[in-house]
PDB file of N, CA and C in Angstrom:
ATOM      1  N   MET A   1      20.836 -18.221 -33.628  1.00  0.00           N
ATOM      2  CA  MET A   1      19.873 -17.472 -32.826  1.00  0.00           C
ATOM      3  C   MET A   1      18.978 -18.467 -32.087  1.00  0.00           C
ATOM      4  N   ALA A   2      18.612 -18.126 -30.842  1.00  0.00           N
ATOM      5  CA  ALA A   2      17.793 -18.993 -30.006  1.00  0.00           C
ATOM      6  C   ALA A   2      16.362 -19.022 -30.523  1.00  0.00           C
ATOM      7  N   THR A   3      15.712 -20.161 -30.323  1.00  0.00           N
ATOM      8  CA  THR A   3      14.314 -20.274 -30.721  1.00  0.00           C
ATOM      9  C   THR A   3      13.432 -19.683 -29.630  1.00  0.00           C
ATOM     10  N   TYR A   4      12.176 -19.525 -29.977  1.00  0.00           N
ATOM     11  CA  TYR A   4      11.191 -18.999 -29.035  1.00  0.00           C
ATOM     12  C   TYR A   4      11.125 -19.865 -27.780  1.00  0.00           C
ATOM     13  N   ARG A   5      11.065 -21.182 -27.945  1.00  0.00           N
ATOM     14  CA  ARG A   5      10.973 -22.102 -26.800  1.00  0.00           C
ATOM     15  C   ARG A   5      12.243 -22.059 -25.944  1.00  0.00           C
ATOM     16  N   GLU A   6      13.383 -21.923 -26.579  1.00  0.00           N
ATOM     17  CA  GLU A   6      14.635 -21.823 -25.828  1.00  0.00           C
ATOM     18  C   GLU A   6      14.669 -20.548 -25.001  1.00  0.00           C
ATOM     19  N   LEU A   7      14.206 -19.459 -25.583  1.00  0.00           N
ATOM     20  CA  LEU A   7      14.158 -18.190 -24.856  1.00  0.00           C
ATOM     21  C   LEU A   7      13.185 -18.268 -23.684  1.00  0.00           C
ATOM     22  N   LEU A   8      12.040 -18.924 -23.883  1.00  0.00           N
ATOM     23  CA  LEU A   8      11.088 -19.079 -22.777  1.00  0.00           C
ATOM     24  C   LEU A   8      11.698 -19.895 -21.647  1.00  0.00           C
ATOM     25  N   ALA A   9      12.448 -20.928 -21.979  1.00  0.00           N
ATOM     26  CA  ALA A   9      13.114 -21.745 -20.957  1.00  0.00           C
ATOM     27  C   ALA A   9      14.136 -20.906 -20.201  1.00  0.00           C
ATOM     28  N   GLN A  10      14.887 -20.082 -20.914  1.00  0.00           N
ATOM     29  CA  GLN A  10      15.861 -19.200 -20.265  1.00  0.00           C
ATOM     30  C   GLN A  10      15.160 -18.211 -19.352  1.00  0.00           C
ATOM     31  N   LYS A  11      14.018 -17.705 -19.815  1.00  0.00           N
ATOM     32  CA  LYS A  11      13.251 -16.742 -19.010  1.00  0.00           C
ATOM     33  C   LYS A  11      12.768 -17.396 -17.716  1.00  0.00           C
ATOM     34  N   ARG A  12      12.239 -18.613 -17.803  1.00  0.00           N
ATOM     35  CA  ARG A  12      11.790 -19.317 -16.600  1.00  0.00           C
ATOM     36  C   ARG A  12      12.940 -19.514 -15.621  1.00  0.00           C
ATOM     37  N   GLU A  13      14.099 -19.894 -16.148  1.00  0.00           N
ATOM     38  CA  GLU A  13      15.271 -20.094 -15.290  1.00  0.00           C
ATOM     39  C   GLU A  13      15.684 -18.784 -14.623  1.00  0.00           C
ATOM     40  N   LEU A  14      15.700 -17.705 -15.383  1.00  0.00           N
ATOM     41  CA  LEU A  14      16.043 -16.396 -14.808  1.00  0.00           C
ATOM     42  C   LEU A  14      15.017 -15.963 -13.768  1.00  0.00           C
ATOM     43  N   ASP A  15      13.726 -16.171 -14.061  1.00  0.00           N
ATOM     44  CA  ASP A  15      12.684 -15.805 -13.097  1.00  0.00           C
ATOM     45  C   ASP A  15      12.874 -16.546 -11.783  1.00  0.00           C
ATOM     46  N   GLU A  16      13.229 -17.835 -11.848  1.00  0.00           N
ATOM     47  CA  GLU A  16      13.460 -18.615 -10.637  1.00  0.00           C
ATOM     48  C   GLU A  16      14.672 -18.096  -9.870  1.00  0.00           C
ATOM     49  N   ARG A  17      15.734 -17.768 -10.590  1.00  0.00           N
ATOM     50  CA  ARG A  17      16.940 -17.235  -9.940  1.00  0.00           C
ATOM     51  C   ARG A  17      16.661 -15.872  -9.308  1.00  0.00           C
ATOM     52  N   ILE A  18      15.922 -15.035 -10.030  1.00  0.00           N
ATOM     53  CA  ILE A  18      15.571 -13.707  -9.514  1.00  0.00           C
ATOM     54  C   ILE A  18      14.765 -13.846  -8.225  1.00  0.00           C
ATOM     55  N   GLU A  19      13.779 -14.719  -8.214  1.00  0.00           N
ATOM     56  CA  GLU A  19      12.943 -14.895  -7.026  1.00  0.00           C
ATOM     57  C   GLU A  19      13.760 -15.409  -5.851  1.00  0.00           C
ATOM     58  N   ALA A  20      14.683 -16.334  -6.095  1.00  0.00           N
ATOM     59  CA  ALA A  20      15.520 -16.864  -5.017  1.00  0.00           C
ATOM     60  C   ALA A  20      16.393 -15.769  -4.417  1.00  0.00           C
ATOM     61  N   VAL A  21      17.009 -14.940  -5.257  1.00  0.00           N
ATOM     62  CA  VAL A  21      17.868 -13.856  -4.775  1.00  0.00           C
ATOM     63  C   VAL A  21      17.037 -12.800  -4.059  1.00  0.00           C
ATOM     64  N   ARG A  22      15.831 -12.511  -4.581  1.00  0.00           N
ATOM     65  CA  ARG A  22      14.948 -11.533  -3.940  1.00  0.00           C
ATOM     66  C   ARG A  22      14.548 -12.013  -2.551  1.00  0.00           C
ATOM     67  N   ALA A  23      14.196 -13.286  -2.434  1.00  0.00           N
ATOM     68  CA  ALA A  23      13.780 -13.834  -1.141  1.00  0.00           C
ATOM     69  C   ALA A  23      14.927 -13.770  -0.137  1.00  0.00           C
ATOM     70  N   GLU A  24      16.129 -14.078  -0.584  1.00  0.00           N
ATOM     71  CA  GLU A  24      17.298 -14.007   0.302  1.00  0.00           C
ATOM     72  C   GLU A  24      17.565 -12.567   0.747  1.00  0.00           C
ATOM     73  N   ALA A  25      17.479 -11.626  -0.178  1.00  0.00           N
ATOM     74  CA  ALA A  25      17.703 -10.220   0.156  1.00  0.00           C
ATOM     75  C   ALA A  25      16.619  -9.710   1.104  1.00  0.00           C
ATOM     76  N   ALA A  26      15.372 -10.125   0.875  1.00  0.00           N
ATOM     77  CA  ALA A  26      14.278  -9.704   1.749  1.00  0.00           C
ATOM     78  C   ALA A  26      14.470 -10.265   3.156  1.00  0.00           C
ATOM     79  N   HIS A  27      14.897 -11.505   3.249  1.00  0.00           N
ATOM     80  CA  HIS A  27      15.151 -12.124   4.554  1.00  0.00           C
ATOM     81  C   HIS A  27      16.245 -11.363   5.305  1.00  0.00           C
ATOM     82  N   GLU A  28      17.303 -11.021   4.593  1.00  0.00           N
ATOM     83  CA  GLU A  28      18.410 -10.272   5.199  1.00  0.00           C
ATOM     84  C   GLU A  28      17.953  -8.879   5.637  1.00  0.00           C
ATOM     85  N   ALA A  29      17.173  -8.214   4.795  1.00  0.00           N
ATOM     86  CA  ALA A  29      16.683  -6.876   5.136  1.00  0.00           C
ATOM     87  C   ALA A  29      15.790  -6.924   6.371  1.00  0.00           C
ATOM     88  N   LEU A  30      14.919  -7.926   6.437  1.00  0.00           N
ATOM     89  CA  LEU A  30      14.034  -8.056   7.590  1.00  0.00           C
ATOM     90  C   LEU A  30      14.822  -8.315   8.867  1.00  0.00           C
ATOM     91  N   ALA A  31      15.860  -9.127   8.769  1.00  0.00           N
ATOM     92  CA  ALA A  31      16.710  -9.379   9.935  1.00  0.00           C
ATOM     93  C   ALA A  31      17.376  -8.089  10.400  1.00  0.00           C
ATOM     94  N   ASN A  32      17.836  -7.260   9.458  1.00  0.00           N
ATOM     95  CA  ASN A  32      18.448  -5.976   9.806  1.00  0.00           C
ATOM     96  C   ASN A  32      17.450  -5.042  10.483  1.00  0.00           C
ATOM     97  N   VAL A  33      16.223  -5.018   9.972  1.00  0.00           N
ATOM     98  CA  VAL A  33      15.184  -4.158  10.556  1.00  0.00           C
ATOM     99  C   VAL A  33      14.884  -4.612  11.977  1.00  0.00           C
ATOM    100  N   ARG A  34      14.712  -5.912  12.147  1.00  0.00           N
ATOM    101  CA  ARG A  34      14.418  -6.431  13.490  1.00  0.00           C
ATOM    102  C   ARG A  34      15.550  -6.130  14.464  1.00  0.00           C
ATOM    103  N   ALA A  35      16.781  -6.247  14.004  1.00  0.00           N
ATOM    104  CA  ALA A  35      17.929  -5.959  14.868  1.00  0.00           C
ATOM    105  C   ALA A  35      17.945  -4.483  15.278  1.00  0.00           C
ATOM    106  N   ALA A  36      17.668  -3.587  14.335  1.00  0.00           N
ATOM    107  CA  ALA A  36      17.655  -2.153  14.644  1.00  0.00           C
ATOM    108  C   ALA A  36      16.528  -1.818  15.615  1.00  0.00           C
ATOM    109  N   ILE A  37      15.360  -2.433  15.420  1.00  0.00           N
ATOM    110  CA  ILE A  37      14.237  -2.195  16.335  1.00  0.00           C
ATOM    111  C   ILE A  37      14.598  -2.663  17.740  1.00  0.00           C
ATOM    112  N   ALA A  38      15.192  -3.845  17.830  1.00  0.00           N
ATOM    113  CA  ALA A  38      15.576  -4.374  19.145  1.00  0.00           C
ATOM    114  C   ALA A  38      16.667  -3.522  19.788  1.00  0.00           C
ATOM    115  N   GLU A  39      17.629  -3.081  18.995  1.00  0.00           N
ATOM    116  CA  GLU A  39      18.749  -2.305  19.542  1.00  0.00           C
ATOM    117  C   GLU A  39      18.314  -0.941  20.042  1.00  0.00           C
ATOM    118  N   PHE A  40      17.453  -0.267  19.293  1.00  0.00           N
ATOM    119  CA  PHE A  40      17.082   1.102  19.639  1.00  0.00           C
ATOM    120  C   PHE A  40      15.710   1.224  20.278  1.00  0.00           C
ATOM    121  N   GLY A  41      14.940   0.147  20.321  1.00  0.00           N
ATOM    122  CA  GLY A  41      13.629   0.191  20.969  1.00  0.00           C
ATOM    123  C   GLY A  41      12.608   1.020  20.229  1.00  0.00           C
ATOM    124  N   PHE A  42      12.673   1.015  18.905  1.00  0.00           N
ATOM    125  CA  PHE A  42      11.707   1.782  18.106  1.00  0.00           C
ATOM    126  C   PHE A  42      10.289   1.267  18.329  1.00  0.00           C
ATOM    127  N   THR A  43       9.332   2.180  18.282  1.00  0.00           N
ATOM    128  CA  THR A  43       7.919   1.816  18.349  1.00  0.00           C
ATOM    129  C   THR A  43       7.376   1.743  16.928  1.00  0.00           C
ATOM    130  N   PRO A  44       6.221   1.101  16.741  1.00  0.00           N
ATOM    131  CA  PRO A  44       5.630   1.057  15.400  1.00  0.00           C
ATOM    132  C   PRO A  44       5.383   2.447  14.818  1.00  0.00           C
ATOM    133  N   ASP A  45       4.963   3.402  15.653  1.00  0.00           N
ATOM    134  CA  ASP A  45       4.736   4.765  15.157  1.00  0.00           C
ATOM    135  C   ASP A  45       6.029   5.406  14.674  1.00  0.00           C
ATOM    136  N   GLU A  46       7.131   5.120  15.341  1.00  0.00           N
ATOM    137  CA  GLU A  46       8.413   5.674  14.915  1.00  0.00           C
ATOM    138  C   GLU A  46       8.874   5.046  13.597  1.00  0.00           C
ATOM    139  N   VAL A  47       8.600   3.774  13.424  1.00  0.00           N
ATOM    140  CA  VAL A  47       9.036   3.080  12.211  1.00  0.00           C
ATOM    141  C   VAL A  47       8.144   3.441  11.036  1.00  0.00           C
ATOM    142  N   PHE A  48       6.824   3.394  11.234  1.00  0.00           N
ATOM    143  CA  PHE A  48       5.883   3.561  10.127  1.00  0.00           C
ATOM    144  C   PHE A  48       5.203   4.918  10.094  1.00  0.00           C
ATOM    145  N   GLY A  49       5.335   5.711  11.131  1.00  0.00           N
ATOM    146  CA  GLY A  49       4.614   6.975  11.206  1.00  0.00           C
ATOM    147  C   GLY A  49       3.212   6.718  11.729  1.00  0.00           C
ATOM    148  N   LYS A  50       2.578   7.765  12.189  1.00  0.00           N
ATOM    149  CA  LYS A  50       1.224   7.616  12.705  1.00  0.00           C
ATOM    150  C   LYS A  50       0.243   7.532  11.542  1.00  0.00           C
ATOM    151  N   PRO A  51      -0.761   6.670  11.668  1.00  0.00           N
ATOM    152  CA  PRO A  51      -1.751   6.567  10.591  1.00  0.00           C
ATOM    153  C   PRO A  51      -2.503   7.879  10.433  1.00  0.00           C
ATOM    154  N   ARG A  52      -2.700   8.256   9.185  1.00  0.00           N
ATOM    155  CA  ARG A  52      -3.431   9.495   8.906  1.00  0.00           C
ATOM    156  C   ARG A  52      -4.670   9.156   8.092  1.00  0.00           C
ATOM    157  N   ARG A  53      -5.654   9.960   8.274  1.00  0.00           N
ATOM    158  CA  ARG A  53      -6.864   9.819   7.483  1.00  0.00           C
ATOM    159  C   ARG A  53      -6.602  10.421   6.115  1.00  0.00           C
ATOM    160  N   GLU A  54      -7.001   9.730   5.091  1.00  0.00           N
ATOM    161  CA  GLU A  54      -6.735  10.209   3.739  1.00  0.00           C
ATOM    162  C   GLU A  54      -7.610  11.414   3.401  1.00  0.00           C
ATOM    163  N   LYS A  55      -7.032  12.337   2.642  1.00  0.00           N
ATOM    164  CA  LYS A  55      -7.757  13.540   2.254  1.00  0.00           C
ATOM    165  C   LYS A  55      -8.990  13.206   1.434  1.00  0.00           C
ATOM    166  N   THR A  56      -8.868  12.222   0.550  1.00  0.00           N
ATOM    167  CA  THR A  56     -10.004  11.893  -0.304  1.00  0.00           C
ATOM    168  C   THR A  56     -11.176  11.387   0.517  1.00  0.00           C
ATOM    169  N   ALA A  57     -10.905  10.667   1.592  1.00  0.00           N
ATOM    170  CA  ALA A  57     -11.979  10.173   2.452  1.00  0.00           C
ATOM    171  C   ALA A  57     -12.677  11.343   3.143  1.00  0.00           C
ATOM    172  N   ARG A  58     -11.894  12.330   3.581  1.00  0.00           N
ATOM    173  CA  ARG A  58     -12.498  13.505   4.220  1.00  0.00           C
ATOM    174  C   ARG A  58     -13.354  14.285   3.232  1.00  0.00           C
ATOM    175  N   ARG A  59     -12.855  14.430   2.012  1.00  0.00           N
ATOM    176  CA  ARG A  59     -13.630  15.158   1.000  1.00  0.00           C
ATOM    177  C   ARG A  59     -14.918  14.423   0.670  1.00  0.00           C
ATOM    178  N   ALA A  60     -14.855  13.118   0.567  1.00  0.00           N
ATOM    179  CA  ALA A  60     -16.043  12.325   0.261  1.00  0.00           C
ATOM    180  C   ALA A  60     -17.065  12.458   1.389  1.00  0.00           C
ATOM    181  N   ASN A  61     -16.601  12.413   2.638  1.00  0.00           N
ATOM    182  CA  ASN A  61     -17.512  12.562   3.774  1.00  0.00           C
ATOM    183  C   ASN A  61     -18.151  13.939   3.787  1.00  0.00           C
ATOM    184  N   LYS A  62     -17.391  14.961   3.467  1.00  0.00           N
ATOM    185  CA  LYS A  62     -17.912  16.321   3.439  1.00  0.00           C
ATOM    186  C   LYS A  62     -18.962  16.471   2.351  1.00  0.00           C
ATOM    187  N   ALA A  63     -18.678  15.915   1.171  1.00  0.00           N
ATOM    188  CA  ALA A  63     -19.627  15.985   0.059  1.00  0.00           C
ATOM    189  C   ALA A  63     -20.902  15.227   0.403  1.00  0.00           C
ATOM    190  N   GLU A  64     -20.767  14.084   1.053  1.00  0.00           N
ATOM    191  CA  GLU A  64     -21.939  13.294   1.443  1.00  0.00           C
ATOM    192  C   GLU A  64     -22.797  14.079   2.432  1.00  0.00           C
ATOM    193  N   GLY A  65     -22.154  14.790   3.357  1.00  0.00           N
ATOM    194  CA  GLY A  65     -22.890  15.608   4.316  1.00  0.00           C
ATOM    195  C   GLY A  65     -23.689  16.697   3.634  1.00  0.00           C
ATOM    196  N   LYS A  66     -23.131  17.324   2.602  1.00  0.00           N
ATOM    197  CA  LYS A  66     -23.845  18.368   1.865  1.00  0.00           C
ATOM    198  C   LYS A  66     -25.039  17.781   1.120  1.00  0.00           C
ATOM    199  N   LYS A  67     -24.900  16.575   0.568  1.00  0.00           N
ATOM    200  CA  LYS A  67     -26.010  15.935  -0.135  1.00  0.00           C
ATOM    201  C   LYS A  67     -27.160  15.679   0.826  1.00  0.00           C
ATOM    202  N   ARG A  68     -26.828  15.189   2.015  1.00  0.00           N
ATOM    203  CA  ARG A  68     -27.876  14.909   3.008  1.00  0.00           C
ATOM    204  C   ARG A  68     -28.554  16.189   3.440  1.00  0.00           C
ATOM    205  N   GLU A  69     -27.754  17.241   3.589  1.00  0.00           N
ATOM    206  CA  GLU A  69     -28.317  18.534   3.994  1.00  0.00           C
ATOM    207  C   GLU A  69     -29.318  19.014   2.949  1.00  0.00           C
ATOM    208  N   ARG A  70     -28.948  18.914   1.667  1.00  0.00           N
ATOM    209  CA  ARG A  70     -29.849  19.320   0.587  1.00  0.00           C
ATOM    210  C   ARG A  70     -31.100  18.440   0.562  1.00  0.00           C
ATOM    211  N   ALA A  71     -30.947  17.158   0.802  1.00  0.00           N
ATOM    212  CA  ALA A  71     -32.085  16.247   0.801  1.00  0.00           C
ATOM    213  C   ALA A  71     -33.042  16.602   1.929  1.00  0.00           C
ATOM    214  N   ASN A  72     -32.511  16.958   3.082  1.00  0.00           N
ATOM    215  CA  ASN A  72     -33.362  17.347   4.202  1.00  0.00           C
ATOM    216  C   ASN A  72     -34.121  18.629   3.892  1.00  0.00           C
ATOM    217  N   LEU A  73     -33.504  19.566   3.226  1.00  0.00           N
ATOM    218  CA  LEU A  73     -34.171  20.809   2.863  1.00  0.00           C
ATOM    219  C   LEU A  73     -35.287  20.539   1.875  1.00  0.00           C
ATOM    220  N   ASP A  74     -35.074  19.602   0.959  1.00  0.00           N
ATOM    221  CA  ASP A  74     -36.108  19.260  -0.004  1.00  0.00           C
ATOM    222  C   ASP A  74     -37.345  18.695   0.667  1.00  0.00           C
ATOM    223  N   LEU A  75     -37.186  18.004   1.780  1.00  0.00           N
ATOM    224  CA  LEU A  75     -38.317  17.434   2.494  1.00  0.00           C
ATOM    225  C   LEU A  75     -39.260  18.517   3.007  1.00  0.00           C
ATOM    226  N   PHE A  76     -38.724  19.689   3.294  1.00  0.00           N
ATOM    227  CA  PHE A  76     -39.521  20.769   3.843  1.00  0.00           C
ATOM    228  C   PHE A  76     -39.932  21.781   2.788  1.00  0.00           C
ATOM    229  N   GLY A  77     -39.702  21.474   1.543  1.00  0.00           N
ATOM    230  CA  GLY A  77     -40.117  22.355   0.470  1.00  0.00           C
ATOM    231  C   GLY A  77     -39.191  23.506   0.203  1.00  0.00           C
ATOM    232  N   ASP A  78     -38.027  23.514   0.819  1.00  0.00           N
ATOM    233  CA  ASP A  78     -37.032  24.553   0.582  1.00  0.00           C
ATOM    234  C   ASP A  78     -36.164  24.100  -0.585  1.00  0.00           C
ATOM    235  N   ASN A  79     -36.308  24.681  -1.723  1.00  0.00           N
ATOM    236  CA  ASN A  79     -35.517  24.299  -2.896  1.00  0.00           C
ATOM    237  C   ASN A  79     -34.426  25.333  -3.149  1.00  0.00           C
ATOM    238  N   ALA A  80     -33.737  25.741  -2.103  1.00  0.00           N
ATOM    239  CA  ALA A  80     -32.703  26.751  -2.231  1.00  0.00           C
ATOM    240  C   ALA A  80     -31.460  26.207  -2.836  1.00  0.00           C
TER     241      ALA A  80
END
Protein backbone atom coordinates (compact mmCIF):
# COMPACT_ATOMS: atom_id res chain seq x y z
CA MET A 1 0.00 0.00 0.00
CA ALA A 2 1.23 3.52 -0.85
CA THR A 3 2.32 5.84 1.92
CA TYR A 4 0.76 9.20 2.62
CA ARG A 5 3.71 11.05 1.03
CA GLU A 6 3.61 8.84 -2.05
CA LEU A 7 -0.10 9.51 -2.49
CA LEU A 8 0.48 13.27 -2.13
CA ALA A 9 3.16 13.10 -4.83
CA GLN A 10 0.76 11.21 -7.11
CA LYS A 11 -1.92 13.81 -6.40
CA ARG A 12 0.41 16.68 -7.33
CA GLU A 13 1.34 14.91 -10.56
CA LEU A 14 -2.33 14.31 -11.42
CA ASP A 15 -3.23 17.92 -10.59
CA GLU A 16 -0.51 19.13 -12.98
CA ARG A 17 -1.71 16.79 -15.74
CA ILE A 18 -5.33 17.81 -15.18
CA GLU A 19 -4.46 21.51 -15.42
CA ALA A 20 -2.44 20.98 -18.62
CA VAL A 21 -5.31 19.08 -20.30
CA ARG A 22 -7.85 21.65 -19.07
CA ALA A 23 -5.79 24.52 -20.48
CA GLU A 24 -5.48 22.76 -23.84
CA ALA A 25 -9.22 22.03 -23.97
CA ALA A 26 -10.04 25.63 -23.01
CA HIS A 27 -7.73 26.95 -25.73
CA GLU A 28 -9.40 24.70 -28.31
CA ALA A 29 -12.89 25.70 -27.15
CA LEU A 30 -12.02 29.39 -27.35
CA ALA A 31 -10.67 28.94 -30.86
CA ASN A 32 -13.94 27.24 -31.87
CA VAL A 33 -16.00 30.07 -30.35
CA ARG A 34 -13.95 32.71 -32.13
CA ALA A 35 -14.27 30.86 -35.43
CA ALA A 36 -18.07 30.60 -35.07
CA ILE A 37 -18.34 34.30 -34.19
CA ALA A 38 -16.24 35.25 -37.21
CA GLU A 39 -18.12 32.89 -39.54
CA PHE A 40 -21.63 33.94 -38.54
CA GLY A 41 -21.02 37.52 -37.36
CA PHE A 42 -22.56 37.03 -33.93
CA THR A 43 -22.85 40.09 -31.69
CA PRO A 44 -22.07 40.03 -27.96
CA ASP A 45 -25.81 40.25 -27.20
CA GLU A 46 -26.47 37.20 -29.36
CA VAL A 47 -23.69 35.22 -27.68
CA PHE A 48 -24.26 36.27 -24.06
CA GLY A 49 -27.80 37.64 -24.07
CA LYS A 50 -28.74 41.14 -23.06
CA PRO A 51 -27.76 42.17 -19.54
CA ARG A 52 -30.69 42.14 -17.16
CA ARG A 53 -31.15 43.84 -13.87
CA GLU A 54 -31.32 41.32 -11.07
CA LYS A 55 -34.62 40.88 -9.27
CA THR A 56 -32.98 41.12 -5.87
CA ALA A 57 -31.55 44.53 -6.73
CA ARG A 58 -35.00 45.77 -7.75
CA ARG A 59 -36.54 44.45 -4.55
CA ALA A 60 -33.83 46.07 -2.44
CA ASN A 61 -34.35 49.41 -4.21
CA LYS A 62 -38.11 49.19 -3.68
CA ALA A 63 -37.69 48.38 0.01
CA GLU A 64 -35.23 51.26 0.41
CA GLY A 65 -37.76 53.62 -1.18
CA LYS A 66 -40.43 52.56 1.32
CA LYS A 67 -38.03 53.16 4.24
CA ARG A 68 -37.31 56.67 3.01
CA GLU A 69 -41.00 57.33 2.54
CA ARG A 70 -41.69 56.27 6.14
CA ALA A 71 -38.78 58.38 7.40
CA ASN A 72 -40.15 61.43 5.60
CA LEU A 73 -43.58 60.91 7.15
CA ASP A 74 -42.00 60.70 10.59
CA LEU A 75 -40.46 64.14 10.08
CA PHE A 76 -43.93 65.64 9.82
CA GLY A 77 -45.36 63.82 12.80
CA ASP A 78 -47.36 61.34 10.75
CA ASN A 79 -46.82 57.98 12.45
CA ALA A 80 -49.12 56.04 10.15
